Amino acid sequence: MIKQKGFTLIELVCVIILLGVLSATVFINWPGVTINLGAQAYQLADDLRYTQALSMTKDQRYALVITSSTTYQITNGSGTAILNAFGSTTTTLQHGISFGTLTNLPNNLVAFNSKGIPYITTGSPGTALAAVATIPLNGGSSTMTVSIAPQTGNVSP
């Protein structure tokens, strides 16, 4: 009698069912927007730090201006938008992510003077940021917040 090697149909069906259950579990628990939300919060924080660095190195005011619920720009002292890392003057948030209600930024902007101090207006001397400002990013049921400290302009996602 010759022994044949291989899988039975029952073994093959059991493996397919097991893989189906595992893939369904992973799909349901996949963070999706949460990963994008974290990346977007870090990009916004980096753009705020870049705006602050520009103002300090160029010795003039630069501002990060939120132009809609999903876009923002970096502008120079005369209000002209400058190019971002992607060669555009406007940065658009990733699909499914939007800005929440800003705290302590009544003009939807944060400007930095030549010493890196944050202001809530673009005019000179302007109004300095008096309390911690927050910029929430909403994605689905998750929220991440970027904070800006008064006096120092320290940014933290």
Foldseek 3Di string as FASTA:
>chain_A
DDDDDDDDPVVVVVVVVVVVVVVVVCVVPPPVVVVLQVVQLVVVLVVLVVQLVCQQVVQFKWKWAADDFFKIFIATLVRHGDQDPVRDRMDGRDPQKTKDDKDQQVRRMWMAGNQSFIASDSDVVHHGRDAKIWIWMDGDPDIDIWIAGGPNRDIDD
